[in-house]
PDB file of N, CA and C in Angstrom:
ATOM      1  N   MET A   1     -12.105 134.018  80.280  1.00  0.00           N
ATOM      2  CA  MET A   1     -11.077 133.201  80.876  1.00  0.00           C
ATOM      3  C   MET A   1     -11.664 132.376  82.020  1.00  0.00           C
ATOM      4  N   ALA A   2     -11.241 131.159  82.140  1.00  0.00           N
ATOM      5  CA  ALA A   2     -11.752 130.273  83.182  1.00  0.00           C
ATOM      6  C   ALA A   2     -11.167 130.643  84.543  1.00  0.00           C
ATOM      7  N   ASP A   3     -11.946 130.396  85.584  1.00  0.00           N
ATOM      8  CA  ASP A   3     -11.465 130.652  86.939  1.00  0.00           C
ATOM      9  C   ASP A   3     -10.383 129.645  87.291  1.00  0.00           C
ATOM     10  N   ARG A   4      -9.386 130.140  87.976  1.00  0.00           N
ATOM     11  CA  ARG A   4      -8.299 129.258  88.397  1.00  0.00           C
ATOM     12  C   ARG A   4      -8.481 128.913  89.867  1.00  0.00           C
ATOM     13  N   THR A   5      -8.183 127.683  90.199  1.00  0.00           N
ATOM     14  CA  THR A   5      -8.246 127.276  91.594  1.00  0.00           C
ATOM     15  C   THR A   5      -6.930 127.620  92.275  1.00  0.00           C
ATOM     16  N   ALA A   6      -6.910 127.498  93.591  1.00  0.00           N
ATOM     17  CA  ALA A   6      -5.692 127.805  94.352  1.00  0.00           C
ATOM     18  C   ALA A   6      -4.551 126.868  93.974  1.00  0.00           C
ATOM     19  N   LYS A   7      -4.884 125.627  93.631  1.00  0.00           N
ATOM     20  CA  LYS A   7      -3.829 124.681  93.270  1.00  0.00           C
ATOM     21  C   LYS A   7      -3.158 125.056  91.954  1.00  0.00           C
ATOM     22  N   GLN A   8      -3.905 125.647  91.036  1.00  0.00           N
ATOM     23  CA  GLN A   8      -3.319 126.027  89.761  1.00  0.00           C
ATOM     24  C   GLN A   8      -2.415 127.246  89.901  1.00  0.00           C
ATOM     25  N   GLU A   9      -2.706 128.128  90.852  1.00  0.00           N
ATOM     26  CA  GLU A   9      -1.940 129.359  91.014  1.00  0.00           C
ATOM     27  C   GLU A   9      -0.754 129.211  91.962  1.00  0.00           C
ATOM     28  N   ALA A  10      -0.685 128.121  92.680  1.00  0.00           N
ATOM     29  CA  ALA A  10       0.375 127.949  93.670  1.00  0.00           C
ATOM     30  C   ALA A  10       1.729 127.772  92.986  1.00  0.00           C
ATOM     31  N   LYS A  11       2.748 128.385  93.576  1.00  0.00           N
ATOM     32  CA  LYS A  11       4.109 128.226  93.066  1.00  0.00           C
ATOM     33  C   LYS A  11       4.770 127.081  93.823  1.00  0.00           C
ATOM     34  N   LEU A  12       5.439 126.227  93.089  1.00  0.00           N
ATOM     35  CA  LEU A  12       6.113 125.097  93.715  1.00  0.00           C
ATOM     36  C   LEU A  12       7.206 125.576  94.658  1.00  0.00           C
ATOM     37  N   ASP A  13       7.439 124.805  95.690  1.00  0.00           N
ATOM     38  CA  ASP A  13       8.484 125.103  96.656  1.00  0.00           C
ATOM     39  C   ASP A  13       9.788 124.491  96.138  1.00  0.00           C
ATOM     40  N   TYR A  14      10.419 125.178  95.195  1.00  0.00           N
ATOM     41  CA  TYR A  14      11.608 124.646  94.534  1.00  0.00           C
ATOM     42  C   TYR A  14      12.760 124.418  95.501  1.00  0.00           C
ATOM     43  N   MET A  15      12.885 125.253  96.500  1.00  0.00           N
ATOM     44  CA  MET A  15      13.996 125.106  97.442  1.00  0.00           C
ATOM     45  C   MET A  15      13.894 123.767  98.190  1.00  0.00           C
ATOM     46  N   ALA A  16      12.688 123.420  98.639  1.00  0.00           N
ATOM     47  CA  ALA A  16      12.515 122.153  99.357  1.00  0.00           C
ATOM     48  C   ALA A  16      12.799 120.972  98.442  1.00  0.00           C
ATOM     49  N   PHE A  17      12.339 121.054  97.196  1.00  0.00           N
ATOM     50  CA  PHE A  17      12.589 119.948  96.268  1.00  0.00           C
ATOM     51  C   PHE A  17      14.073 119.833  95.931  1.00  0.00           C
ATOM     52  N   ALA A  18      14.771 120.949  95.860  1.00  0.00           N
ATOM     53  CA  ALA A  18      16.213 120.916  95.588  1.00  0.00           C
ATOM     54  C   ALA A  18      16.966 120.281  96.757  1.00  0.00           C
ATOM     55  N   VAL A  19      16.608 120.663  97.991  1.00  0.00           N
ATOM     56  CA  VAL A  19      17.262 120.085  99.166  1.00  0.00           C
ATOM     57  C   VAL A  19      16.950 118.592  99.253  1.00  0.00           C
ATOM     58  N   ALA A  20      15.717 118.209  98.929  1.00  0.00           N
ATOM     59  CA  ALA A  20      15.354 116.788  98.934  1.00  0.00           C
ATOM     60  C   ALA A  20      16.204 116.014  97.924  1.00  0.00           C
ATOM     61  N   GLY A  21      16.421 116.589  96.746  1.00  0.00           N
ATOM     62  CA  GLY A  21      17.255 115.937  95.743  1.00  0.00           C
ATOM     63  C   GLY A  21      18.705 115.834  96.171  1.00  0.00           C
ATOM     64  N   VAL A  22      19.212 116.888  96.802  1.00  0.00           N
ATOM     65  CA  VAL A  22      20.599 116.867  97.290  1.00  0.00           C
ATOM     66  C   VAL A  22      20.757 115.811  98.380  1.00  0.00           C
ATOM     67  N   ALA A  23      19.807 115.756  99.312  1.00  0.00           N
ATOM     68  CA  ALA A  23      19.890 114.785 100.405  1.00  0.00           C
ATOM     69  C   ALA A  23      19.798 113.354  99.882  1.00  0.00           C
ATOM     70  N   GLY A  24      18.835 113.100  99.002  1.00  0.00           N
ATOM     71  CA  GLY A  24      18.688 111.761  98.437  1.00  0.00           C
ATOM     72  C   GLY A  24      19.878 111.368  97.576  1.00  0.00           C
ATOM     73  N   GLY A  25      20.355 112.305  96.763  1.00  0.00           N
ATOM     74  CA  GLY A  25      21.514 112.037  95.918  1.00  0.00           C
ATOM     75  C   GLY A  25      22.760 111.749  96.723  1.00  0.00           C
ATOM     76  N   HIS A  26      22.930 112.459  97.814  1.00  0.00           N
ATOM     77  CA  HIS A  26      24.097 112.214  98.668  1.00  0.00           C
ATOM     78  C   HIS A  26      24.009 110.844  99.319  1.00  0.00           C
ATOM     79  N   GLY A  27      22.808 110.456  99.745  1.00  0.00           N
ATOM     80  CA  GLY A  27      22.646 109.122 100.329  1.00  0.00           C
ATOM     81  C   GLY A  27      22.975 108.024  99.339  1.00  0.00           C
ATOM     82  N   VAL A  28      22.514 108.172  98.106  1.00  0.00           N
ATOM     83  CA  VAL A  28      22.808 107.183  97.060  1.00  0.00           C
ATOM     84  C   VAL A  28      24.301 107.172  96.751  1.00  0.00           C
ATOM     85  N   MET A  29      24.914 108.358  96.698  1.00  0.00           N
ATOM     86  CA  MET A  29      26.348 108.444  96.417  1.00  0.00           C
ATOM     87  C   MET A  29      27.165 107.735  97.501  1.00  0.00           C
ATOM     88  N   GLU A  30      26.803 107.946  98.759  1.00  0.00           N
ATOM     89  CA  GLU A  30      27.518 107.281  99.854  1.00  0.00           C
ATOM     90  C   GLU A  30      27.342 105.768  99.792  1.00  0.00           C
ATOM     91  N   TYR A  31      26.151 105.315  99.402  1.00  0.00           N
ATOM     92  CA  TYR A  31      25.929 103.878  99.297  1.00  0.00           C
ATOM     93  C   TYR A  31      26.760 103.281  98.161  1.00  0.00           C
ATOM     94  N   MET A  32      26.790 103.969  97.028  1.00  0.00           N
ATOM     95  CA  MET A  32      27.558 103.461  95.880  1.00  0.00           C
ATOM     96  C   MET A  32      29.056 103.458  96.177  1.00  0.00           C
ATOM     97  N   LYS A  33      29.515 104.453  96.916  1.00  0.00           N
ATOM     98  CA  LYS A  33      30.948 104.592  97.165  1.00  0.00           C
ATOM     99  C   LYS A  33      31.441 103.649  98.257  1.00  0.00           C
ATOM    100  N   ALA A  34      30.686 103.550  99.351  1.00  0.00           N
ATOM    101  CA  ALA A  34      31.198 102.808 100.502  1.00  0.00           C
ATOM    102  C   ALA A  34      30.230 101.761 101.039  1.00  0.00           C
ATOM    103  N   ALA A  35      29.167 101.448 100.300  1.00  0.00           N
ATOM    104  CA  ALA A  35      28.150 100.494 100.742  1.00  0.00           C
ATOM    105  C   ALA A  35      27.612 100.851 102.126  1.00  0.00           C
ATOM    106  N   ASN A  36      27.417 102.154 102.343  1.00  0.00           N
ATOM    107  CA  ASN A  36      26.950 102.663 103.630  1.00  0.00           C
ATOM    108  C   ASN A  36      25.420 102.703 103.616  1.00  0.00           C
ATOM    109  N   ILE A  37      24.794 101.666 104.179  1.00  0.00           N
ATOM    110  CA  ILE A  37      23.345 101.556 104.153  1.00  0.00           C
ATOM    111  C   ILE A  37      22.704 102.595 105.063  1.00  0.00           C
ATOM    112  N   ALA A  38      23.349 102.937 106.163  1.00  0.00           N
ATOM    113  CA  ALA A  38      22.794 103.947 107.072  1.00  0.00           C
ATOM    114  C   ALA A  38      22.686 105.307 106.376  1.00  0.00           C
ATOM    115  N   SER A  39      23.705 105.671 105.621  1.00  0.00           N
ATOM    116  CA  SER A  39      23.682 106.939 104.902  1.00  0.00           C
ATOM    117  C   SER A  39      22.630 106.924 103.800  1.00  0.00           C
ATOM    118  N   LEU A  40      22.441 105.781 103.161  1.00  0.00           N
ATOM    119  CA  LEU A  40      21.390 105.651 102.156  1.00  0.00           C
ATOM    120  C   LEU A  40      20.022 105.850 102.787  1.00  0.00           C
ATOM    121  N   GLY A  41      19.799 105.229 103.937  1.00  0.00           N
ATOM    122  CA  GLY A  41      18.519 105.377 104.630  1.00  0.00           C
ATOM    123  C   GLY A  41      18.264 106.805 105.080  1.00  0.00           C
ATOM    124  N   ILE A  42      19.300 107.446 105.627  1.00  0.00           N
ATOM    125  CA  ILE A  42      19.154 108.837 106.063  1.00  0.00           C
ATOM    126  C   ILE A  42      18.857 109.734 104.867  1.00  0.00           C
ATOM    127  N   GLY A  43      19.597 109.567 103.788  1.00  0.00           N
ATOM    128  CA  GLY A  43      19.410 110.417 102.619  1.00  0.00           C
ATOM    129  C   GLY A  43      18.045 110.252 101.983  1.00  0.00           C
ATOM    130  N   LEU A  44      17.648 109.013 101.746  1.00  0.00           N
ATOM    131  CA  LEU A  44      16.359 108.786 101.101  1.00  0.00           C
ATOM    132  C   LEU A  44      15.186 109.075 102.039  1.00  0.00           C
ATOM    133  N   GLY A  45      15.348 108.746 103.302  1.00  0.00           N
ATOM    134  CA  GLY A  45      14.279 109.007 104.264  1.00  0.00           C
ATOM    135  C   GLY A  45      14.018 110.493 104.456  1.00  0.00           C
ATOM    136  N   PHE A  46      15.077 111.224 104.759  1.00  0.00           N
ATOM    137  CA  PHE A  46      14.915 112.661 104.957  1.00  0.00           C
ATOM    138  C   PHE A  46      14.596 113.365 103.641  1.00  0.00           C
ATOM    139  N   GLY A  47      15.145 112.877 102.530  1.00  0.00           N
ATOM    140  CA  GLY A  47      14.804 113.453 101.229  1.00  0.00           C
ATOM    141  C   GLY A  47      13.312 113.316 100.935  1.00  0.00           C
ATOM    142  N   SER A  48      12.748 112.160 101.254  1.00  0.00           N
ATOM    143  CA  SER A  48      11.309 111.955 101.050  1.00  0.00           C
ATOM    144  C   SER A  48      10.479 112.853 101.952  1.00  0.00           C
ATOM    145  N   LEU A  49      10.876 112.975 103.216  1.00  0.00           N
ATOM    146  CA  LEU A  49      10.143 113.853 104.137  1.00  0.00           C
ATOM    147  C   LEU A  49      10.216 115.311 103.696  1.00  0.00           C
ATOM    148  N   ILE A  50      11.369 115.745 103.239  1.00  0.00           N
ATOM    149  CA  ILE A  50      11.518 117.131 102.806  1.00  0.00           C
ATOM    150  C   ILE A  50      10.734 117.369 101.520  1.00  0.00           C
ATOM    151  N   ALA A  51      10.705 116.398 100.607  1.00  0.00           N
ATOM    152  CA  ALA A  51       9.900 116.545  99.392  1.00  0.00           C
ATOM    153  C   ALA A  51       8.411 116.618  99.734  1.00  0.00           C
ATOM    154  N   LEU A  52       7.971 115.805 100.685  1.00  0.00           N
ATOM    155  CA  LEU A  52       6.580 115.873 101.132  1.00  0.00           C
ATOM    156  C   LEU A  52       6.273 117.230 101.748  1.00  0.00           C
ATOM    157  N   SER A  53       7.192 117.745 102.541  1.00  0.00           N
ATOM    158  CA  SER A  53       6.960 119.063 103.141  1.00  0.00           C
ATOM    159  C   SER A  53       6.937 120.152 102.066  1.00  0.00           C
ATOM    160  N   GLY A  54       7.759 120.000 101.021  1.00  0.00           N
ATOM    161  CA  GLY A  54       7.729 120.946  99.919  1.00  0.00           C
ATOM    162  C   GLY A  54       6.402 120.927  99.184  1.00  0.00           C
ATOM    163  N   TYR A  55       5.842 119.751  98.994  1.00  0.00           N
ATOM    164  CA  TYR A  55       4.534 119.639  98.359  1.00  0.00           C
ATOM    165  C   TYR A  55       3.461 120.299  99.221  1.00  0.00           C
ATOM    166  N   ARG A  56       3.536 120.044 100.539  1.00  0.00           N
ATOM    167  CA  ARG A  56       2.517 120.608 101.437  1.00  0.00           C
ATOM    168  C   ARG A  56       2.627 122.117 101.564  1.00  0.00           C
ATOM    169  N   THR A  57       3.838 122.650 101.617  1.00  0.00           N
ATOM    170  CA  THR A  57       3.981 124.103 101.741  1.00  0.00           C
ATOM    171  C   THR A  57       3.746 124.825 100.422  1.00  0.00           C
ATOM    172  N   THR A  58       3.703 124.096  99.314  1.00  0.00           N
ATOM    173  CA  THR A  58       3.360 124.726  98.041  1.00  0.00           C
ATOM    174  C   THR A  58       1.960 125.331  98.111  1.00  0.00           C
ATOM    175  N   TYR A  59       1.050 124.640  98.757  1.00  0.00           N
ATOM    176  CA  TYR A  59      -0.337 125.087  98.806  1.00  0.00           C
ATOM    177  C   TYR A  59      -0.706 125.786 100.099  1.00  0.00           C
ATOM    178  N   ASN A  60       0.079 125.623 101.154  1.00  0.00           N
ATOM    179  CA  ASN A  60      -0.239 126.254 102.426  1.00  0.00           C
ATOM    180  C   ASN A  60       1.064 126.533 103.169  1.00  0.00           C
ATOM    181  N   LYS A  61       1.510 127.772 103.145  1.00  0.00           N
ATOM    182  CA  LYS A  61       2.784 128.130 103.777  1.00  0.00           C
ATOM    183  C   LYS A  61       2.739 127.964 105.293  1.00  0.00           C
ATOM    184  N   ASP A  62       1.546 127.942 105.891  1.00  0.00           N
ATOM    185  CA  ASP A  62       1.434 127.732 107.336  1.00  0.00           C
ATOM    186  C   ASP A  62       1.790 126.307 107.729  1.00  0.00           C
ATOM    187  N   ASP A  63       1.815 125.402 106.774  1.00  0.00           N
ATOM    188  CA  ASP A  63       2.062 123.987 107.031  1.00  0.00           C
ATOM    189  C   ASP A  63       3.553 123.681 106.880  1.00  0.00           C
ATOM    190  N   ALA A  64       4.375 124.422 107.609  1.00  0.00           N
ATOM    191  CA  ALA A  64       5.824 124.303 107.456  1.00  0.00           C
ATOM    192  C   ALA A  64       6.491 123.520 108.579  1.00  0.00           C
ATOM    193  N   ALA A  65       5.719 122.958 109.484  1.00  0.00           N
ATOM    194  CA  ALA A  65       6.309 122.257 110.629  1.00  0.00           C
ATOM    195  C   ALA A  65       7.115 121.038 110.202  1.00  0.00           C
ATOM    196  N   LEU A  66       6.587 120.262 109.244  1.00  0.00           N
ATOM    197  CA  LEU A  66       7.306 119.071 108.785  1.00  0.00           C
ATOM    198  C   LEU A  66       8.640 119.453 108.157  1.00  0.00           C
ATOM    199  N   GLY A  67       8.648 120.509 107.367  1.00  0.00           N
ATOM    200  CA  GLY A  67       9.891 120.973 106.750  1.00  0.00           C
ATOM    201  C   GLY A  67      10.886 121.467 107.784  1.00  0.00           C
ATOM    202  N   LEU A  68      10.382 122.153 108.793  1.00  0.00           N
ATOM    203  CA  LEU A  68      11.249 122.665 109.855  1.00  0.00           C
ATOM    204  C   LEU A  68      11.913 121.523 110.621  1.00  0.00           C
ATOM    205  N   VAL A  69      11.131 120.548 111.013  1.00  0.00           N
ATOM    206  CA  VAL A  69      11.665 119.437 111.812  1.00  0.00           C
ATOM    207  C   VAL A  69      12.592 118.542 110.984  1.00  0.00           C
ATOM    208  N   SER A  70      12.145 118.148 109.782  1.00  0.00           N
ATOM    209  CA  SER A  70      12.952 117.217 108.998  1.00  0.00           C
ATOM    210  C   SER A  70      14.250 117.861 108.501  1.00  0.00           C
ATOM    211  N   SER A  71      14.189 119.100 108.032  1.00  0.00           N
ATOM    212  CA  SER A  71      15.425 119.730 107.565  1.00  0.00           C
ATOM    213  C   SER A  71      16.335 120.105 108.736  1.00  0.00           C
ATOM    214  N   GLY A  72      15.758 120.438 109.879  1.00  0.00           N
ATOM    215  CA  GLY A  72      16.579 120.718 111.060  1.00  0.00           C
ATOM    216  C   GLY A  72      17.325 119.487 111.540  1.00  0.00           C
ATOM    217  N   LEU A  73      16.633 118.352 111.574  1.00  0.00           N
ATOM    218  CA  LEU A  73      17.296 117.106 111.980  1.00  0.00           C
ATOM    219  C   LEU A  73      18.366 116.679 110.978  1.00  0.00           C
ATOM    220  N   LEU A  74      18.060 116.831 109.677  1.00  0.00           N
ATOM    221  CA  LEU A  74      19.053 116.483 108.663  1.00  0.00           C
ATOM    222  C   LEU A  74      20.277 117.385 108.780  1.00  0.00           C
ATOM    223  N   ALA A  75      20.064 118.673 109.017  1.00  0.00           N
ATOM    224  CA  ALA A  75      21.196 119.594 109.179  1.00  0.00           C
ATOM    225  C   ALA A  75      22.036 119.205 110.389  1.00  0.00           C
ATOM    226  N   ALA A  76      21.381 118.795 111.469  1.00  0.00           N
ATOM    227  CA  ALA A  76      22.123 118.390 112.666  1.00  0.00           C
ATOM    228  C   ALA A  76      22.931 117.114 112.413  1.00  0.00           C
ATOM    229  N   LEU A  77      22.314 116.120 111.784  1.00  0.00           N
ATOM    230  CA  LEU A  77      23.012 114.854 111.525  1.00  0.00           C
ATOM    231  C   LEU A  77      24.191 115.036 110.574  1.00  0.00           C
ATOM    232  N   ARG A  78      23.944 115.693 109.446  1.00  0.00           N
ATOM    233  CA  ARG A  78      25.020 115.877 108.474  1.00  0.00           C
ATOM    234  C   ARG A  78      26.051 116.887 108.965  1.00  0.00           C
ATOM    235  N   GLY A  79      25.634 117.855 109.760  1.00  0.00           N
ATOM    236  CA  GLY A  79      26.580 118.804 110.347  1.00  0.00           C
ATOM    237  C   GLY A  79      27.542 118.114 111.298  1.00  0.00           C
ATOM    238  N   LYS A  80      27.026 117.190 112.088  1.00  0.00           N
ATOM    239  CA  LYS A  80      27.882 116.419 112.998  1.00  0.00           C
ATOM    240  C   LYS A  80      28.866 115.558 112.206  1.00  0.00           C
ATOM    241  N   GLN A  81      28.377 114.940 111.133  1.00  0.00           N
ATOM    242  CA  GLN A  81      29.271 114.133 110.310  1.00  0.00           C
ATOM    243  C   GLN A  81      30.336 114.998 109.634  1.00  0.00           C
ATOM    244  N   PHE A  82      29.944 116.205 109.197  1.00  0.00           N
ATOM    245  CA  PHE A  82      30.925 117.112 108.597  1.00  0.00           C
ATOM    246  C   PHE A  82      31.963 117.541 109.626  1.00  0.00           C
ATOM    247  N   TYR A  83      31.523 117.813 110.838  1.00  0.00           N
ATOM    248  CA  TYR A  83      32.449 118.218 111.901  1.00  0.00           C
ATOM    249  C   TYR A  83      33.446 117.101 112.209  1.00  0.00           C
ATOM    250  N   ASP A  84      32.966 115.862 112.219  1.00  0.00           N
ATOM    251  CA  ASP A  84      33.844 114.727 112.547  1.00  0.00           C
ATOM    252  C   ASP A  84      34.800 114.366 111.412  1.00  0.00           C
ATOM    253  N   THR A  85      34.346 114.432 110.159  1.00  0.00           N
ATOM    254  CA  THR A  85      35.149 113.935 109.041  1.00  0.00           C
ATOM    255  C   THR A  85      35.758 115.029 108.166  1.00  0.00           C
ATOM    256  N   GLN A  86      35.210 116.227 108.201  1.00  0.00           N
ATOM    257  CA  GLN A  86      35.644 117.351 107.351  1.00  0.00           C
ATOM    258  C   GLN A  86      35.500 117.028 105.865  1.00  0.00           C
ATOM    259  N   LYS A  87      34.520 116.188 105.497  1.00  0.00           N
ATOM    260  CA  LYS A  87      34.257 115.874 104.097  1.00  0.00           C
ATOM    261  C   LYS A  87      33.222 116.859 103.554  1.00  0.00           C
ATOM    262  N   THR A  88      33.542 117.462 102.420  1.00  0.00           N
ATOM    263  CA  THR A  88      32.724 118.534 101.858  1.00  0.00           C
ATOM    264  C   THR A  88      31.276 118.140 101.563  1.00  0.00           C
ATOM    265  N   PRO A  89      30.975 116.946 101.018  1.00  0.00           N
ATOM    266  CA  PRO A  89      29.563 116.644 100.730  1.00  0.00           C
ATOM    267  C   PRO A  89      28.665 116.706 101.969  1.00  0.00           C
ATOM    268  N   TYR A  90      29.176 116.294 103.118  1.00  0.00           N
ATOM    269  CA  TYR A  90      28.382 116.402 104.342  1.00  0.00           C
ATOM    270  C   TYR A  90      28.085 117.871 104.657  1.00  0.00           C
ATOM    271  N   GLY A  91      29.062 118.726 104.458  1.00  0.00           N
ATOM    272  CA  GLY A  91      28.877 120.150 104.713  1.00  0.00           C
ATOM    273  C   GLY A  91      27.885 120.790 103.761  1.00  0.00           C
ATOM    274  N   VAL A  92      27.899 120.371 102.499  1.00  0.00           N
ATOM    275  CA  VAL A  92      26.956 120.909 101.511  1.00  0.00           C
ATOM    276  C   VAL A  92      25.521 120.537 101.883  1.00  0.00           C
ATOM    277  N   VAL A  93      25.306 119.276 102.229  1.00  0.00           N
ATOM    278  CA  VAL A  93      23.961 118.828 102.605  1.00  0.00           C
ATOM    279  C   VAL A  93      23.522 119.526 103.894  1.00  0.00           C
ATOM    280  N   ALA A  94      24.424 119.631 104.864  1.00  0.00           N
ATOM    281  CA  ALA A  94      24.081 120.294 106.126  1.00  0.00           C
ATOM    282  C   ALA A  94      23.745 121.763 105.905  1.00  0.00           C
ATOM    283  N   GLY A  95      24.506 122.441 105.070  1.00  0.00           N
ATOM    284  CA  GLY A  95      24.238 123.853 104.797  1.00  0.00           C
ATOM    285  C   GLY A  95      22.918 124.064 104.082  1.00  0.00           C
ATOM    286  N   ALA A  96      22.634 123.235 103.085  1.00  0.00           N
ATOM    287  CA  ALA A  96      21.367 123.355 102.353  1.00  0.00           C
ATOM    288  C   ALA A  96      20.183 123.070 103.270  1.00  0.00           C
ATOM    289  N   ALA A  97      20.309 122.042 104.106  1.00  0.00           N
ATOM    290  CA  ALA A  97      19.227 121.710 105.029  1.00  0.00           C
ATOM    291  C   ALA A  97      19.044 122.811 106.077  1.00  0.00           C
ATOM    292  N   LEU A  98      20.137 123.423 106.507  1.00  0.00           N
ATOM    293  CA  LEU A  98      20.035 124.505 107.482  1.00  0.00           C
ATOM    294  C   LEU A  98      19.320 125.716 106.886  1.00  0.00           C
ATOM    295  N   LEU A  99      19.631 126.050 105.640  1.00  0.00           N
ATOM    296  CA  LEU A  99      18.934 127.158 104.975  1.00  0.00           C
ATOM    297  C   LEU A  99      17.437 126.874 104.864  1.00  0.00           C
ATOM    298  N   LEU A 100      17.079 125.651 104.520  1.00  0.00           N
ATOM    299  CA  LEU A 100      15.670 125.296 104.428  1.00  0.00           C
ATOM    300  C   LEU A 100      15.009 125.333 105.804  1.00  0.00           C
ATOM    301  N   ALA A 101      15.724 124.909 106.834  1.00  0.00           N
ATOM    302  CA  ALA A 101      15.159 124.946 108.189  1.00  0.00           C
ATOM    303  C   ALA A 101      14.890 126.383 108.629  1.00  0.00           C
ATOM    304  N   VAL A 102      15.803 127.284 108.322  1.00  0.00           N
ATOM    305  CA  VAL A 102      15.607 128.695 108.682  1.00  0.00           C
ATOM    306  C   VAL A 102      14.404 129.261 107.929  1.00  0.00           C
ATOM    307  N   ARG A 103      14.306 128.955 106.644  1.00  0.00           N
ATOM    308  CA  ARG A 103      13.173 129.463 105.864  1.00  0.00           C
ATOM    309  C   ARG A 103      11.857 128.854 106.336  1.00  0.00           C
ATOM    310  N   SER A 104      11.836 127.558 106.615  1.00  0.00           N
ATOM    311  CA  SER A 104      10.620 126.913 107.115  1.00  0.00           C
ATOM    312  C   SER A 104      10.234 127.461 108.478  1.00  0.00           C
ATOM    313  N   GLY A 105      11.233 127.735 109.307  1.00  0.00           N
ATOM    314  CA  GLY A 105      10.950 128.353 110.606  1.00  0.00           C
ATOM    315  C   GLY A 105      10.353 129.737 110.455  1.00  0.00           C
ATOM    316  N   GLY A 106      10.816 130.477 109.470  1.00  0.00           N
ATOM    317  CA  GLY A 106      10.242 131.792 109.206  1.00  0.00           C
ATOM    318  C   GLY A 106       8.784 131.715 108.800  1.00  0.00           C
ATOM    319  N   TYR A 107       8.437 130.738 107.954  1.00  0.00           N
ATOM    320  CA  TYR A 107       7.036 130.539 107.586  1.00  0.00           C
ATOM    321  C   TYR A 107       6.221 130.070 108.785  1.00  0.00           C
ATOM    322  N   TYR A 108       6.771 129.143 109.555  1.00  0.00           N
ATOM    323  CA  TYR A 108       6.044 128.571 110.687  1.00  0.00           C
ATOM    324  C   TYR A 108       5.753 129.624 111.752  1.00  0.00           C
ATOM    325  N   LEU A 109       6.726 130.490 112.017  1.00  0.00           N
ATOM    326  CA  LEU A 109       6.545 131.503 113.045  1.00  0.00           C
ATOM    327  C   LEU A 109       5.874 132.773 112.524  1.00  0.00           C
ATOM    328  N   GLY A 110       5.680 132.867 111.223  1.00  0.00           N
ATOM    329  CA  GLY A 110       4.978 133.994 110.647  1.00  0.00           C
ATOM    330  C   GLY A 110       5.850 135.185 110.299  1.00  0.00           C
ATOM    331  N   PHE A 111       7.159 135.025 110.277  1.00  0.00           N
ATOM    332  CA  PHE A 111       8.055 136.116 109.931  1.00  0.00           C
ATOM    333  C   PHE A 111       8.109 136.380 108.436  1.00  0.00           C
ATOM    334  N   LEU A 112       7.872 135.351 107.630  1.00  0.00           N
ATOM    335  CA  LEU A 112       7.916 135.484 106.175  1.00  0.00           C
ATOM    336  C   LEU A 112       6.497 135.566 105.628  1.00  0.00           C
ATOM    337  N   LYS A 113       6.367 136.240 104.500  1.00  0.00           N
ATOM    338  CA  LYS A 113       5.056 136.374 103.871  1.00  0.00           C
ATOM    339  C   LYS A 113       4.610 135.049 103.286  1.00  0.00           C
ATOM    340  N   LYS A 114       3.327 134.909 103.193  1.00  0.00           N
ATOM    341  CA  LYS A 114       2.777 133.659 102.670  1.00  0.00           C
ATOM    342  C   LYS A 114       2.656 133.695 101.192  1.00  0.00           C
TER     343      LYS A 114
END
């Protein structure tokens, strides 16, 4: 059997990619529904950052700072919007981003296994 490199054995960070898809999808949905360009920018921007952090943490769990910061900021922004409007999609995105921020913080601080 051939030797496998670390990249071949690494498990994808599915949670980060799922949150990135939810954030980006919500931004596109808000743009289609209300022509809200700010929400489109927030969704696609933070979705891209979270997807990048998911790619980076796939191969090195110590590299979770980007995921912690980007998902924490997204949770704060969408959480504030959910608090102001009580619209469920904002709450879903905020909750998913908050879960990812907690998990990324656990990796960053060394509480979770690598």
